[in-house]
Protein backbone atom coordinates (compact mmCIF):
# COMPACT_ATOMS: atom_id res chain seq x y z
CA UNK A 1 -33.25 25.93 -163.36
CA UNK A 2 -32.88 23.10 -160.89
CA UNK A 3 -34.18 19.59 -161.50
CA UNK A 4 -36.83 20.07 -158.81
CA UNK A 5 -38.02 23.30 -160.40
CA UNK A 6 -38.15 21.64 -163.82
CA UNK A 7 -40.23 18.76 -162.46
CA UNK A 8 -42.59 21.21 -160.75
CA UNK A 9 -43.01 23.13 -164.00
CA UNK A 10 -43.78 19.95 -165.92
CA UNK A 11 -46.31 18.88 -163.32
CA UNK A 12 -48.12 22.23 -163.49
CA UNK A 13 -48.39 22.05 -167.27
CA UNK A 14 -49.57 18.45 -167.17
CA UNK A 15 -52.14 19.42 -164.55
CA UNK A 16 -53.32 22.37 -166.64
CA UNK A 17 -53.75 20.25 -169.76
CA UNK A 18 -55.50 17.50 -167.84
CA UNK A 19 -58.01 19.91 -166.29
CA UNK A 20 -58.68 21.53 -169.66
CA UNK A 21 -59.31 18.16 -171.31
CA UNK A 22 -61.69 17.05 -168.54
CA UNK A 23 -63.57 20.37 -168.62
CA UNK A 24 -64.07 20.23 -172.39
CA UNK A 25 -65.64 16.77 -172.35
CA UNK A 26 -68.51 17.66 -169.99
CA UNK A 27 -71.81 18.85 -171.42
CA UNK A 28 -73.48 21.63 -169.38
CA UNK A 29 -76.56 19.45 -168.95
CA UNK A 30 -74.51 16.85 -167.06
CA UNK A 31 -73.99 19.29 -164.20
CA UNK A 32 -77.39 20.97 -164.30
CA UNK A 33 -76.42 24.03 -166.36
CA UNK A 34 -78.32 25.33 -169.42
CA UNK A 35 -76.54 24.99 -172.75
CA UNK A 36 -77.79 28.26 -174.25
CA UNK A 37 -77.88 29.17 -177.92
CA UNK A 38 -74.60 31.14 -178.07
CA UNK A 39 -72.24 28.59 -176.51
CA UNK A 40 -69.09 28.09 -178.59
CA UNK A 41 -66.83 26.60 -175.93
CA UNK A 42 -66.67 22.79 -176.04
CA UNK A 43 -67.85 21.42 -172.73
CA UNK A 44 -67.90 23.75 -169.74
CA UNK A 45 -66.50 27.27 -169.49
CA UNK A 46 -63.80 28.04 -166.94
CA UNK A 47 -66.13 30.29 -165.00
CA UNK A 48 -68.68 27.48 -164.79
CA UNK A 49 -66.14 25.09 -163.28
CA UNK A 50 -65.14 27.82 -160.84
CA UNK A 51 -68.76 28.38 -159.90
CA UNK A 52 -69.43 24.66 -159.39
CA UNK A 53 -66.25 24.34 -157.32
CA UNK A 54 -66.90 27.51 -155.26
CA UNK A 55 -63.51 29.02 -156.21
CA UNK A 56 -62.55 32.28 -157.88
CA UNK A 57 -62.63 32.45 -161.68
CA UNK A 58 -59.20 34.09 -161.78
CA UNK A 59 -57.72 31.41 -159.53
CA UNK A 60 -59.12 28.57 -161.66
CA UNK A 61 -57.94 30.30 -164.84
CA UNK A 62 -54.43 30.53 -163.42
CA UNK A 63 -54.62 26.83 -162.58
CA UNK A 64 -55.37 25.99 -166.23
CA UNK A 65 -52.59 28.38 -167.30
CA UNK A 66 -50.05 26.41 -165.24
CA UNK A 67 -49.33 29.38 -162.97
CA UNK A 68 -47.23 28.70 -159.86
CA UNK A 69 -50.03 28.98 -157.27
CA UNK A 70 -50.93 27.18 -154.07
CA UNK A 71 -53.57 24.45 -154.43
CA UNK A 72 -55.17 22.97 -151.32
CA UNK A 73 -56.46 19.37 -151.22
CA UNK A 74 -59.92 20.67 -150.33
CA UNK A 75 -60.08 22.80 -153.48
CA UNK A 76 -58.79 19.93 -155.62
CA UNK A 77 -61.52 17.78 -154.13
CA UNK A 78 -64.15 20.33 -155.16
CA UNK A 79 -62.72 20.60 -158.68
CA UNK A 80 -62.60 16.79 -159.02
CA UNK A 81 -66.28 16.56 -158.10
CA UNK A 82 -67.25 19.40 -160.45
CA UNK A 83 -65.45 17.71 -163.35
CA UNK A 84 -67.09 14.35 -162.55
CA UNK A 85 -63.73 12.60 -162.32
CA UNK A 86 -63.77 8.86 -161.77
CA UNK A 87 -61.47 7.23 -159.20
CA UNK A 88 -58.53 6.85 -161.62
CA UNK A 89 -58.82 10.42 -162.89
CA UNK A 90 -59.13 11.72 -159.35
CA UNK A 91 -55.97 9.88 -158.27
CA UNK A 92 -54.17 11.30 -161.32
CA UNK A 93 -55.29 14.83 -160.46
CA UNK A 94 -53.91 14.66 -156.91
CA UNK A 95 -50.70 13.01 -158.12
CA UNK A 96 -50.07 15.83 -160.60
CA UNK A 97 -50.78 18.43 -157.93
CA UNK A 98 -48.48 16.66 -155.46
CA UNK A 99 -51.27 16.62 -152.87
CA UNK A 100 -52.78 14.00 -150.60
CA UNK A 101 -56.38 13.11 -151.41
CA UNK A 102 -58.52 13.92 -148.34
CA UNK A 103 -61.17 11.37 -149.42
CA UNK A 104 -59.49 8.53 -151.33
CA UNK A 105 -61.50 5.53 -152.47
CA UNK A 106 -64.80 7.33 -152.13
CA UNK A 107 -66.33 4.69 -154.33
CA UNK A 108 -66.14 0.93 -153.88
CA UNK A 109 -67.13 -0.66 -157.21
CA UNK A 110 -65.46 -4.00 -156.38
CA UNK A 111 -65.67 -5.91 -153.12
CA UNK A 112 -62.34 -7.58 -152.45
CA UNK A 113 -62.25 -11.29 -151.53
CA UNK A 114 -61.05 -10.34 -148.04
CA UNK A 115 -64.05 -8.09 -147.46
CA UNK A 116 -66.41 -10.77 -148.79
CA UNK A 117 -64.94 -13.32 -146.38
CA UNK A 118 -65.17 -10.87 -143.49
CA UNK A 119 -68.90 -10.21 -143.86
CA UNK A 120 -69.53 -13.93 -144.42
CA UNK A 121 -67.76 -14.72 -141.14
CA UNK A 122 -70.07 -12.32 -139.30
CA UNK A 123 -73.10 -14.58 -139.88
CA UNK A 124 -75.57 -14.90 -138.21
CA UNK A 125 -75.10 -11.20 -137.50
CA UNK A 126 -76.64 -9.41 -140.53
CA UNK A 127 -73.96 -7.40 -142.34
CA UNK A 128 -73.56 -5.60 -145.64
CA UNK A 129 -71.31 -3.10 -147.39
CA UNK A 130 -72.98 0.17 -148.40
CA UNK A 131 -71.68 3.31 -150.03
CA UNK A 132 -72.80 6.79 -149.03
CA UNK A 133 -75.59 6.62 -151.64
CA UNK A 134 -77.09 3.60 -149.79
CA UNK A 135 -76.26 1.16 -152.59
CA UNK A 136 -75.86 -2.36 -151.15
CA UNK A 137 -72.55 -3.53 -152.61
CA UNK A 138 -72.32 -6.89 -150.81
CA UNK A 139 -74.14 -8.74 -148.02
CA UNK A 140 -74.04 -11.97 -146.05
CA UNK A 141 -76.65 -14.73 -145.83
CA UNK A 142 -78.54 -13.35 -142.84
CA UNK A 143 -78.74 -9.80 -144.18
CA UNK A 144 -80.00 -11.22 -147.46
CA UNK A 145 -83.17 -12.39 -145.67
CA UNK A 146 -83.48 -9.76 -142.93
CA UNK A 147 -85.80 -7.28 -144.65
CA UNK A 148 -86.63 -8.95 -147.95
CA UNK A 149 -85.23 -11.61 -150.27
CA UNK A 150 -82.33 -9.56 -151.64
CA UNK A 151 -81.33 -12.35 -154.01
CA UNK A 152 -84.63 -11.77 -155.83
CA UNK A 153 -83.93 -8.03 -156.22
CA UNK A 154 -82.11 -6.92 -159.36
CA UNK A 155 -78.55 -5.69 -158.53
CA UNK A 156 -79.31 -2.20 -159.85
CA UNK A 157 -82.27 -1.97 -157.43
CA UNK A 158 -80.34 -3.02 -154.31
CA UNK A 159 -80.41 0.40 -152.73
CA UNK A 160 -81.74 0.93 -149.19
CA UNK A 161 -83.48 4.19 -150.08
CA UNK A 162 -85.24 2.70 -153.08
CA UNK A 163 -86.22 -0.49 -151.24
CA UNK A 164 -87.46 1.36 -148.17
CA UNK A 165 -89.80 3.50 -150.26
CA UNK A 166 -90.94 0.99 -152.90
CA UNK A 167 -90.42 -2.66 -151.85
CA UNK A 168 -93.43 -3.94 -149.89
CA UNK A 169 -91.54 -6.85 -148.26
CA UNK A 170 -88.82 -4.47 -147.05
CA UNK A 171 -91.36 -1.91 -145.83
CA UNK A 172 -93.43 -4.48 -143.93
CA UNK A 173 -90.31 -5.69 -142.09
CA UNK A 174 -89.53 -2.26 -140.58
CA UNK A 175 -91.50 -1.53 -137.41
CA UNK A 176 -90.86 2.24 -137.35
CA UNK A 177 -91.03 2.74 -141.11
CA UNK A 178 -92.11 6.40 -141.13
CA UNK A 179 -89.31 7.43 -138.79
CA UNK A 180 -86.71 5.32 -140.57
CA UNK A 181 -87.63 6.77 -143.96
CA UNK A 182 -87.55 10.30 -142.60
CA UNK A 183 -84.11 9.83 -141.05
CA UNK A 184 -82.74 8.00 -144.09
CA UNK A 185 -83.84 10.80 -146.41
CA UNK A 186 -82.25 13.36 -144.10
CA UNK A 187 -78.97 11.41 -144.07
CA UNK A 188 -79.12 11.07 -147.84
CA UNK A 189 -79.56 14.84 -148.21
CA UNK A 190 -76.59 15.47 -145.93
CA UNK A 191 -74.39 13.06 -147.89
CA UNK A 192 -75.55 14.39 -151.27
CA UNK A 193 -74.25 17.89 -150.52
CA UNK A 194 -70.80 16.66 -151.62
CA UNK A 195 -72.13 14.94 -154.75
CA UNK A 196 -74.65 17.42 -156.20
CA UNK A 197 -73.23 17.31 -159.73
CA UNK A 198 -72.62 13.57 -159.92
CA UNK A 199 -74.90 11.76 -162.40
CA UNK A 200 -75.46 8.64 -160.26
CA UNK A 201 -76.71 10.71 -157.32
CA UNK A 202 -78.94 12.86 -159.49
CA UNK A 203 -80.36 9.78 -161.23
CA UNK A 204 -81.25 8.11 -157.91
CA UNK A 205 -82.89 11.30 -156.63
CA UNK A 206 -84.96 11.63 -159.82
CA UNK A 207 -86.00 7.98 -159.58
CA UNK A 208 -87.08 8.29 -155.95
CA UNK A 209 -89.08 11.45 -156.69
CA UNK A 210 -90.77 9.79 -159.66
CA UNK A 211 -91.85 6.57 -157.91
CA UNK A 212 -92.64 7.68 -154.36
CA UNK A 213 -95.00 10.49 -153.33
CA UNK A 214 -93.95 9.71 -149.75
CA UNK A 215 -90.33 10.46 -150.59
CA UNK A 216 -91.26 13.70 -152.40
CA UNK A 217 -93.13 14.93 -149.33
CA UNK A 218 -90.26 14.08 -146.96
CA UNK A 219 -87.59 15.47 -149.32
CA UNK A 220 -89.41 18.79 -149.49
CA UNK A 221 -88.78 19.30 -145.75
CA UNK A 222 -85.01 19.78 -146.32
CA UNK A 223 -84.09 17.93 -143.13
CA UNK A 224 -80.45 16.96 -142.61
CA UNK A 225 -79.08 14.32 -140.22
CA UNK A 226 -75.55 12.98 -139.85
CA UNK A 227 -74.62 9.30 -139.96
CA UNK A 228 -74.91 7.32 -136.74
CA UNK A 229 -76.09 4.05 -135.26
CA UNK A 230 -79.14 3.24 -133.14
CA UNK A 231 -81.25 0.33 -131.94
CA UNK A 232 -83.82 -0.69 -134.57
CA UNK A 233 -86.89 -2.89 -134.49
CA UNK A 234 -87.78 -5.26 -137.29
CA UNK A 235 -90.42 -7.92 -137.81
CA UNK A 236 -89.02 -10.62 -140.06
CA UNK A 237 -91.68 -12.70 -141.79
CA UNK A 238 -89.84 -15.96 -141.03
CA UNK A 239 -88.66 -15.54 -137.42
CA UNK A 240 -90.71 -12.68 -135.96
CA UNK A 241 -89.65 -9.60 -133.92
CA UNK A 242 -86.00 -8.53 -133.82
CA UNK A 243 -84.31 -5.84 -131.73
CA UNK A 244 -80.94 -5.02 -133.33
CA UNK A 245 -78.18 -2.48 -132.71
CA UNK A 246 -77.24 -0.81 -135.99
CA UNK A 247 -73.56 0.13 -136.38
CA UNK A 248 -71.52 1.74 -139.18
CA UNK A 249 -67.83 0.91 -139.55
CA UNK A 250 -66.14 2.88 -142.33
CA UNK A 251 -63.71 1.00 -144.57
CA UNK A 252 -61.84 4.24 -145.29
CA UNK A 253 -62.25 7.97 -144.68
CA UNK A 254 -65.83 9.13 -144.21
CA UNK A 255 -68.07 9.29 -146.14
CA UNK A 256 -66.90 6.32 -148.22
CA UNK A 257 -68.03 2.70 -148.21
CA UNK A 258 -68.97 1.32 -144.81
CA UNK A 259 -69.65 -2.00 -143.14
CA UNK A 260 -73.18 -2.01 -141.71
CA UNK A 261 -73.98 -4.54 -138.99
CA UNK A 262 -77.08 -5.39 -136.96
CA UNK A 263 -76.01 -6.92 -133.65
CA UNK A 264 -78.79 -8.58 -131.58
CA UNK A 265 -79.74 -6.46 -128.60
CA UNK A 266 -81.19 -9.33 -126.56
CA UNK A 267 -81.12 -13.12 -126.29
CA UNK A 268 -84.38 -13.62 -128.18
CA UNK A 269 -83.10 -11.63 -131.15
CA UNK A 270 -79.84 -13.60 -131.21
CA UNK A 271 -81.71 -16.90 -131.26
CA UNK A 272 -84.01 -15.65 -134.02
CA UNK A 273 -81.06 -14.47 -136.12
CA UNK A 274 -79.54 -17.94 -135.81
CA UNK A 275 -82.80 -19.42 -137.10
CA UNK A 276 -82.90 -16.90 -139.93
CA UNK A 277 -79.34 -17.79 -140.89
CA UNK A 278 -80.30 -21.48 -141.01
CA UNK A 279 -83.24 -20.64 -143.30
CA UNK A 280 -81.17 -18.46 -145.67
CA UNK A 281 -79.73 -20.02 -148.85
CA UNK A 282 -76.16 -21.26 -148.56
CA UNK A 283 -74.89 -19.10 -151.43
CA UNK A 284 -75.68 -15.59 -152.60
């Protein structure tokens, strides 16, 4: 057996053991499956992982048996999501499989100093970093006062969906609130299709449904819209009407974290953003 063949064999066995260990740690309830009274397998069954990943049971069984089979990055991506792998575990999975991750860095738990400086330098243009779940991960001075006083909002509540449906200051600042909420919910549904089993997504959905009848009514329509920018109208309580061009700039492959900016669409809006920046606190 050649050295290359030996390394490939070792990788397959390591991959098989890693998948088995990740599968056995997940309770059925974590991925929306019933436990049942006759379950003896720790964690999930192989057929359940196959079902969640939309792959054949035999194929997934062979994968855990370290068979020499072809594994596409797309299938690995589905398996990683079904097993609720974090970013380190996901990177390990693709490394063992010798495959390139089609969606690396899909989460952005830490904003690097360079990114923080970049959004700060964009002032007085409102800018923030959001993930695909609409969590606001970082923002500059002007964005912090654009729709509400974000500094006064608890970090765990800094989510555009949650604020747009529950925060009165935020809601009163949006001129076309009904349309914005409808489109945002449709975008959220489209993004969630790739995260259906992930606890953070399910928890946010449950929270929105529990606190907002408006969201429940819109969510029941099953509308789906892709990401995109448009001109938006706001009415800031400190500086008045604003007409701003909304733009998304992805920091990596879609649909990962993105830089969201609101560029003034006319001279009046630019001047008002400069006033808002002057009114905003110097530090966040």
